[in-house]
PDB file of N, CA and C in Angstrom:
ATOM      1  N   MET A   1      27.263  -0.519 -49.046  1.00  0.00           N
ATOM      2  CA  MET A   1      27.690  -1.600 -48.191  1.00  0.00           C
ATOM      3  C   MET A   1      27.500  -1.240 -46.721  1.00  0.00           C
ATOM      4  N   ALA A   2      27.847  -0.007 -46.312  1.00  0.00           N
ATOM      5  CA  ALA A   2      27.698   0.427 -44.924  1.00  0.00           C
ATOM      6  C   ALA A   2      26.226   0.462 -44.525  1.00  0.00           C
ATOM      7  N   ALA A   3      25.386   0.873 -45.457  1.00  0.00           N
ATOM      8  CA  ALA A   3      23.948   0.931 -45.172  1.00  0.00           C
ATOM      9  C   ALA A   3      23.395  -0.473 -44.942  1.00  0.00           C
ATOM     10  N   ALA A   4      23.887  -1.436 -45.712  1.00  0.00           N
ATOM     11  CA  ALA A   4      23.432  -2.813 -45.540  1.00  0.00           C
ATOM     12  C   ALA A   4      23.872  -3.367 -44.180  1.00  0.00           C
ATOM     13  N   CYS A   5      25.079  -3.042 -43.758  1.00  0.00           N
ATOM     14  CA  CYS A   5      25.569  -3.482 -42.444  1.00  0.00           C
ATOM     15  C   CYS A   5      24.737  -2.866 -41.324  1.00  0.00           C
ATOM     16  N   GLU A   6      24.430  -1.600 -41.453  1.00  0.00           N
ATOM     17  CA  GLU A   6      23.620  -0.922 -40.432  1.00  0.00           C
ATOM     18  C   GLU A   6      22.207  -1.506 -40.389  1.00  0.00           C
ATOM     19  N   ALA A   7      21.637  -1.785 -41.544  1.00  0.00           N
ATOM     20  CA  ALA A   7      20.305  -2.388 -41.598  1.00  0.00           C
ATOM     21  C   ALA A   7      20.318  -3.776 -40.955  1.00  0.00           C
ATOM     22  N   LEU A   8      21.374  -4.529 -41.185  1.00  0.00           N
ATOM     23  CA  LEU A   8      21.501  -5.857 -40.585  1.00  0.00           C
ATOM     24  C   LEU A   8      21.612  -5.752 -39.060  1.00  0.00           C
ATOM     25  N   ARG A   9      22.411  -4.796 -38.570  1.00  0.00           N
ATOM     26  CA  ARG A   9      22.540  -4.584 -37.119  1.00  0.00           C
ATOM     27  C   ARG A   9      21.197  -4.210 -36.503  1.00  0.00           C
ATOM     28  N   THR A  10      20.463  -3.352 -37.176  1.00  0.00           N
ATOM     29  CA  THR A  10      19.147  -2.935 -36.681  1.00  0.00           C
ATOM     30  C   THR A  10      18.202  -4.126 -36.601  1.00  0.00           C
ATOM     31  N   GLU A  11      18.186  -4.946 -37.630  1.00  0.00           N
ATOM     32  CA  GLU A  11      17.322  -6.127 -37.630  1.00  0.00           C
ATOM     33  C   GLU A  11      17.727  -7.116 -36.539  1.00  0.00           C
ATOM     34  N   MET A  12      19.029  -7.249 -36.315  1.00  0.00           N
ATOM     35  CA  MET A  12      19.498  -8.153 -35.264  1.00  0.00           C
ATOM     36  C   MET A  12      19.066  -7.650 -33.891  1.00  0.00           C
ATOM     37  N   ARG A  13      19.114  -6.328 -33.674  1.00  0.00           N
ATOM     38  CA  ARG A  13      18.657  -5.756 -32.410  1.00  0.00           C
ATOM     39  C   ARG A  13      17.159  -5.983 -32.223  1.00  0.00           C
ATOM     40  N   LYS A  14      16.396  -5.786 -33.291  1.00  0.00           N
ATOM     41  CA  LYS A  14      14.944  -6.017 -33.228  1.00  0.00           C
ATOM     42  C   LYS A  14      14.647  -7.472 -32.880  1.00  0.00           C
ATOM     43  N   ASP A  15      15.369  -8.386 -33.533  1.00  0.00           N
ATOM     44  CA  ASP A  15      15.164  -9.816 -33.268  1.00  0.00           C
ATOM     45  C   ASP A  15      15.517 -10.160 -31.818  1.00  0.00           C
ATOM     46  N   ALA A  16      16.604  -9.605 -31.319  1.00  0.00           N
ATOM     47  CA  ALA A  16      17.006  -9.871 -29.936  1.00  0.00           C
ATOM     48  C   ALA A  16      15.960  -9.341 -28.960  1.00  0.00           C
ATOM     49  N   MET A  17      15.434  -8.153 -29.227  1.00  0.00           N
ATOM     50  CA  MET A  17      14.411  -7.568 -28.356  1.00  0.00           C
ATOM     51  C   MET A  17      13.132  -8.399 -28.396  1.00  0.00           C
ATOM     52  N   THR A  18      12.725  -8.802 -29.575  1.00  0.00           N
ATOM     53  CA  THR A  18      11.531  -9.634 -29.712  1.00  0.00           C
ATOM     54  C   THR A  18      11.709 -10.940 -28.953  1.00  0.00           C
ATOM     55  N   HIS A  19      12.871 -11.554 -29.091  1.00  0.00           N
ATOM     56  CA  HIS A  19      13.165 -12.800 -28.384  1.00  0.00           C
ATOM     57  C   HIS A  19      13.079 -12.595 -26.867  1.00  0.00           C
ATOM     58  N   SER A  20      13.643 -11.493 -26.367  1.00  0.00           N
ATOM     59  CA  SER A  20      13.613 -11.202 -24.937  1.00  0.00           C
ATOM     60  C   SER A  20      12.189 -10.993 -24.439  1.00  0.00           C
ATOM     61  N   LEU A  21      11.383 -10.285 -25.218  1.00  0.00           N
ATOM     62  CA  LEU A  21      10.004 -10.022 -24.811  1.00  0.00           C
ATOM     63  C   LEU A  21       9.159 -11.291 -24.826  1.00  0.00           C
ATOM     64  N   VAL A  22       9.368 -12.134 -25.803  1.00  0.00           N
ATOM     65  CA  VAL A  22       8.603 -13.373 -25.900  1.00  0.00           C
ATOM     66  C   VAL A  22       8.961 -14.317 -24.750  1.00  0.00           C
ATOM     67  N   ASN A  23      10.229 -14.335 -24.352  1.00  0.00           N
ATOM     68  CA  ASN A  23      10.694 -15.281 -23.350  1.00  0.00           C
ATOM     69  C   ASN A  23      10.767 -14.730 -21.930  1.00  0.00           C
ATOM     70  N   ARG A  24      10.268 -13.511 -21.710  1.00  0.00           N
ATOM     71  CA  ARG A  24      10.352 -12.966 -20.365  1.00  0.00           C
ATOM     72  C   ARG A  24       9.369 -13.679 -19.437  1.00  0.00           C
ATOM     73  N   PRO A  25       9.729 -13.774 -18.153  1.00  0.00           N
ATOM     74  CA  PRO A  25       8.843 -14.453 -17.207  1.00  0.00           C
ATOM     75  C   PRO A  25       7.603 -13.605 -16.929  1.00  0.00           C
ATOM     76  N   PRO A  26       6.534 -14.258 -16.507  1.00  0.00           N
ATOM     77  CA  PRO A  26       5.309 -13.499 -16.188  1.00  0.00           C
ATOM     78  C   PRO A  26       5.521 -12.641 -14.941  1.00  0.00           C
ATOM     79  N   PRO A  27       4.735 -11.585 -14.779  1.00  0.00           N
ATOM     80  CA  PRO A  27       4.901 -10.700 -13.620  1.00  0.00           C
ATOM     81  C   PRO A  27       4.800 -11.445 -12.282  1.00  0.00           C
ATOM     82  N   GLU A  28       3.962 -12.460 -12.208  1.00  0.00           N
ATOM     83  CA  GLU A  28       3.812 -13.214 -10.967  1.00  0.00           C
ATOM     84  C   GLU A  28       5.119 -13.881 -10.558  1.00  0.00           C
ATOM     85  N   ALA A  29       5.855 -14.422 -11.527  1.00  0.00           N
ATOM     86  CA  ALA A  29       7.138 -15.066 -11.233  1.00  0.00           C
ATOM     87  C   ALA A  29       8.151 -14.034 -10.735  1.00  0.00           C
ATOM     88  N   LEU A  30       8.143 -12.852 -11.327  1.00  0.00           N
ATOM     89  CA  LEU A  30       9.045 -11.788 -10.885  1.00  0.00           C
ATOM     90  C   LEU A  30       8.669 -11.312  -9.491  1.00  0.00           C
ATOM     91  N   GLN A  31       7.377 -11.281  -9.191  1.00  0.00           N
ATOM     92  CA  GLN A  31       6.920 -10.884  -7.860  1.00  0.00           C
ATOM     93  C   GLN A  31       7.345 -11.928  -6.827  1.00  0.00           C
ATOM     94  N   ASP A  32       7.232 -13.201  -7.166  1.00  0.00           N
ATOM     95  CA  ASP A  32       7.637 -14.270  -6.254  1.00  0.00           C
ATOM     96  C   ASP A  32       9.126 -14.201  -5.929  1.00  0.00           C
ATOM     97  N   LYS A  33       9.925 -13.761  -6.889  1.00  0.00           N
ATOM     98  CA  LYS A  33      11.373 -13.649  -6.684  1.00  0.00           C
ATOM     99  C   LYS A  33      11.759 -12.340  -6.002  1.00  0.00           C
ATOM    100  N   GLY A  34      10.787 -11.446  -5.777  1.00  0.00           N
ATOM    101  CA  GLY A  34      11.061 -10.175  -5.127  1.00  0.00           C
ATOM    102  C   GLY A  34      11.588  -9.108  -6.059  1.00  0.00           C
ATOM    103  N   ILE A  35      11.527  -9.352  -7.357  1.00  0.00           N
ATOM    104  CA  ILE A  35      11.994  -8.368  -8.333  1.00  0.00           C
ATOM    105  C   ILE A  35      10.962  -7.261  -8.484  1.00  0.00           C
ATOM    106  N   ILE A  36       9.695  -7.651  -8.539  1.00  0.00           N
ATOM    107  CA  ILE A  36       8.591  -6.698  -8.565  1.00  0.00           C
ATOM    108  C   ILE A  36       7.989  -6.702  -7.171  1.00  0.00           C
ATOM    109  N   LYS A  37       7.903  -5.530  -6.553  1.00  0.00           N
ATOM    110  CA  LYS A  37       7.321  -5.437  -5.218  1.00  0.00           C
ATOM    111  C   LYS A  37       5.898  -4.924  -5.341  1.00  0.00           C
ATOM    112  N   GLY A  38       5.091  -5.260  -4.366  1.00  0.00           N
ATOM    113  CA  GLY A  38       3.713  -4.800  -4.368  1.00  0.00           C
ATOM    114  C   GLY A  38       2.846  -5.710  -5.199  1.00  0.00           C
ATOM    115  N   SER A  39       1.685  -5.216  -5.511  1.00  0.00           N
ATOM    116  CA  SER A  39       0.709  -5.989  -6.265  1.00  0.00           C
ATOM    117  C   SER A  39       0.854  -5.718  -7.753  1.00  0.00           C
ATOM    118  N   ILE A  40       0.524  -6.729  -8.529  1.00  0.00           N
ATOM    119  CA  ILE A  40       0.531  -6.557  -9.983  1.00  0.00           C
ATOM    120  C   ILE A  40      -0.553  -5.541 -10.326  1.00  0.00           C
ATOM    121  N   GLY A  41      -0.220  -4.599 -11.158  1.00  0.00           N
ATOM    122  CA  GLY A  41      -1.174  -3.574 -11.559  1.00  0.00           C
ATOM    123  C   GLY A  41      -1.085  -2.314 -10.713  1.00  0.00           C
ATOM    124  N   VAL A  42      -0.269  -2.342  -9.650  1.00  0.00           N
ATOM    125  CA  VAL A  42      -0.076  -1.160  -8.811  1.00  0.00           C
ATOM    126  C   VAL A  42       1.164  -0.434  -9.305  1.00  0.00           C
ATOM    127  N   SER A  43       1.079   0.859  -9.354  1.00  0.00           N
ATOM    128  CA  SER A  43       2.196   1.678  -9.815  1.00  0.00           C
ATOM    129  C   SER A  43       3.466   1.370  -9.015  1.00  0.00           C
ATOM    130  N   PRO A  44       4.605   1.166  -9.689  1.00  0.00           N
ATOM    131  CA  PRO A  44       5.859   0.914  -8.965  1.00  0.00           C
ATOM    132  C   PRO A  44       6.203   2.042  -7.991  1.00  0.00           C
ATOM    133  N   ARG A  45       5.898   3.257  -8.355  1.00  0.00           N
ATOM    134  CA  ARG A  45       6.180   4.388  -7.465  1.00  0.00           C
ATOM    135  C   ARG A  45       5.335   4.289  -6.194  1.00  0.00           C
ATOM    136  N   LEU A  46       4.076   3.910  -6.352  1.00  0.00           N
ATOM    137  CA  LEU A  46       3.196   3.743  -5.197  1.00  0.00           C
ATOM    138  C   LEU A  46       3.687   2.591  -4.317  1.00  0.00           C
ATOM    139  N   ALA A  47       4.093   1.490  -4.935  1.00  0.00           N
ATOM    140  CA  ALA A  47       4.606   0.349  -4.175  1.00  0.00           C
ATOM    141  C   ALA A  47       5.878   0.740  -3.420  1.00  0.00           C
ATOM    142  N   GLU A  48       6.734   1.526  -4.043  1.00  0.00           N
ATOM    143  CA  GLU A  48       7.976   1.979  -3.406  1.00  0.00           C
ATOM    144  C   GLU A  48       7.662   2.879  -2.213  1.00  0.00           C
ATOM    145  N   THR A  49       6.707   3.786  -2.388  1.00  0.00           N
ATOM    146  CA  THR A  49       6.311   4.686  -1.306  1.00  0.00           C
ATOM    147  C   THR A  49       5.701   3.906  -0.148  1.00  0.00           C
ATOM    148  N   ARG A  50       4.874   2.919  -0.479  1.00  0.00           N
ATOM    149  CA  ARG A  50       4.256   2.087   0.560  1.00  0.00           C
ATOM    150  C   ARG A  50       5.323   1.320   1.338  1.00  0.00           C
ATOM    151  N   GLU A  51       6.314   0.795   0.641  1.00  0.00           N
ATOM    152  CA  GLU A  51       7.401   0.048   1.287  1.00  0.00           C
ATOM    153  C   GLU A  51       8.221   0.972   2.189  1.00  0.00           C
ATOM    154  N   ALA A  52       8.498   2.191   1.733  1.00  0.00           N
ATOM    155  CA  ALA A  52       9.247   3.152   2.554  1.00  0.00           C
ATOM    156  C   ALA A  52       8.453   3.506   3.808  1.00  0.00           C
ATOM    157  N   LEU A  53       7.148   3.692   3.674  1.00  0.00           N
ATOM    158  CA  LEU A  53       6.299   3.989   4.823  1.00  0.00           C
ATOM    159  C   LEU A  53       6.303   2.820   5.812  1.00  0.00           C
ATOM    160  N   ARG A  54       6.227   1.598   5.306  1.00  0.00           N
ATOM    161  CA  ARG A  54       6.246   0.425   6.162  1.00  0.00           C
ATOM    162  C   ARG A  54       7.556   0.360   6.960  1.00  0.00           C
ATOM    163  N   ARG A  55       8.679   0.641   6.279  1.00  0.00           N
ATOM    164  CA  ARG A  55       9.976   0.630   6.961  1.00  0.00           C
ATOM    165  C   ARG A  55      10.037   1.696   8.052  1.00  0.00           C
ATOM    166  N   GLU A  56       9.556   2.897   7.749  1.00  0.00           N
ATOM    167  CA  GLU A  56       9.570   3.981   8.734  1.00  0.00           C
ATOM    168  C   GLU A  56       8.692   3.652   9.932  1.00  0.00           C
ATOM    169  N   MET A  57       7.534   3.043   9.674  1.00  0.00           N
ATOM    170  CA  MET A  57       6.647   2.671  10.777  1.00  0.00           C
ATOM    171  C   MET A  57       7.305   1.614  11.658  1.00  0.00           C
ATOM    172  N   THR A  58       7.997   0.669  11.055  1.00  0.00           N
ATOM    173  CA  THR A  58       8.706  -0.358  11.823  1.00  0.00           C
ATOM    174  C   THR A  58       9.806   0.270  12.658  1.00  0.00           C
ATOM    175  N   LYS A  59      10.556   1.208  12.072  1.00  0.00           N
ATOM    176  CA  LYS A  59      11.609   1.893  12.823  1.00  0.00           C
ATOM    177  C   LYS A  59      11.013   2.664  14.001  1.00  0.00           C
ATOM    178  N   ASP A  60       9.866   3.312  13.797  1.00  0.00           N
ATOM    179  CA  ASP A  60       9.223   4.057  14.874  1.00  0.00           C
ATOM    180  C   ASP A  60       8.804   3.134  16.015  1.00  0.00           C
ATOM    181  N   VAL A  61       8.239   1.980  15.684  1.00  0.00           N
ATOM    182  CA  VAL A  61       7.815   1.028  16.713  1.00  0.00           C
ATOM    183  C   VAL A  61       9.023   0.538  17.499  1.00  0.00           C
ATOM    184  N   VAL A  62      10.092   0.185  16.803  1.00  0.00           N
ATOM    185  CA  VAL A  62      11.301  -0.301  17.476  1.00  0.00           C
ATOM    186  C   VAL A  62      11.873   0.795  18.368  1.00  0.00           C
ATOM    187  N   SER A  63      11.947   2.009  17.864  1.00  0.00           N
ATOM    188  CA  SER A  63      12.489   3.127  18.638  1.00  0.00           C
ATOM    189  C   SER A  63      11.644   3.379  19.887  1.00  0.00           C
ATOM    190  N   HIS A  64      10.336   3.385  19.717  1.00  0.00           N
ATOM    191  CA  HIS A  64       9.431   3.605  20.840  1.00  0.00           C
ATOM    192  C   HIS A  64       9.579   2.495  21.882  1.00  0.00           C
ATOM    193  N   THR A  65       9.627   1.252  21.426  1.00  0.00           N
ATOM    194  CA  THR A  65       9.756   0.116  22.334  1.00  0.00           C
ATOM    195  C   THR A  65      11.082   0.170  23.093  1.00  0.00           C
ATOM    196  N   LEU A  66      12.159   0.489  22.405  1.00  0.00           N
ATOM    197  CA  LEU A  66      13.467   0.588  23.068  1.00  0.00           C
ATOM    198  C   LEU A  66      13.491   1.751  24.053  1.00  0.00           C
ATOM    199  N   GLY A  67      12.834   2.843  23.702  1.00  0.00           N
ATOM    200  CA  GLY A  67      12.762   3.991  24.611  1.00  0.00           C
ATOM    201  C   GLY A  67      12.025   3.638  25.888  1.00  0.00           C
ATOM    202  N   ARG A  68      10.899   2.931  25.765  1.00  0.00           N
ATOM    203  CA  ARG A  68      10.142   2.512  26.950  1.00  0.00           C
ATOM    204  C   ARG A  68      10.958   1.539  27.792  1.00  0.00           C
ATOM    205  N   ARG A  69      11.686   0.674  27.113  1.00  0.00           N
ATOM    206  CA  ARG A  69      12.511  -0.299  27.825  1.00  0.00           C
ATOM    207  C   ARG A  69      13.628   0.406  28.613  1.00  0.00           C
ATOM    208  N   ALA A  70      14.245   1.404  27.996  1.00  0.00           N
ATOM    209  CA  ALA A  70      15.299   2.163  28.669  1.00  0.00           C
ATOM    210  C   ALA A  70      14.739   2.910  29.865  1.00  0.00           C
ATOM    211  N   GLU A  71      13.561   3.505  29.723  1.00  0.00           N
ATOM    212  CA  GLU A  71      12.915   4.195  30.844  1.00  0.00           C
ATOM    213  C   GLU A  71      12.628   3.232  31.977  1.00  0.00           C
ATOM    214  N   SER A  72      12.168   2.049  31.629  1.00  0.00           N
ATOM    215  CA  SER A  72      11.849   1.037  32.629  1.00  0.00           C
ATOM    216  C   SER A  72      13.101   0.608  33.385  1.00  0.00           C
ATOM    217  N   LEU A  73      14.211   0.462  32.678  1.00  0.00           N
ATOM    218  CA  LEU A  73      15.458   0.073  33.326  1.00  0.00           C
ATOM    219  C   LEU A  73      15.966   1.158  34.266  1.00  0.00           C
ATOM    220  N   HIS A  74      15.822   2.428  33.864  1.00  0.00           N
ATOM    221  CA  HIS A  74      16.299   3.541  34.686  1.00  0.00           C
ATOM    222  C   HIS A  74      15.418   3.711  35.920  1.00  0.00           C
ATOM    223  N   SER A  75      14.135   3.510  35.780  1.00  0.00           N
ATOM    224  CA  SER A  75      13.231   3.713  36.911  1.00  0.00           C
ATOM    225  C   SER A  75      13.340   2.584  37.929  1.00  0.00           C
ATOM    226  N   SER A  76      13.728   1.389  37.511  1.00  0.00           N
ATOM    227  CA  SER A  76      13.842   0.268  38.438  1.00  0.00           C
ATOM    228  C   SER A  76      15.223   0.198  39.084  1.00  0.00           C
ATOM    229  N   ALA A  77      16.162   0.980  38.591  1.00  0.00           N
ATOM    230  CA  ALA A  77      17.532   0.938  39.135  1.00  0.00           C
ATOM    231  C   ALA A  77      17.710   1.811  40.322  1.00  0.00           C
TER     232      ALA A  77
END
């Protein structure tokens, strides 16, 4: 009896997984929602690294611009 219950649970898990896989949205829809970043077919690790680099470059530009602005304010005062 216990073996039959376990077999039934296993089959129910398989059915649930199959249902989830059949009904999952396409990668493009996930990308549009921002769940998948980067391009389809690009390694998630590579996309993550590219995003981190983009953020660091933006921070550097902002820091540099603010530094120049502060220098300009001090020199004109």
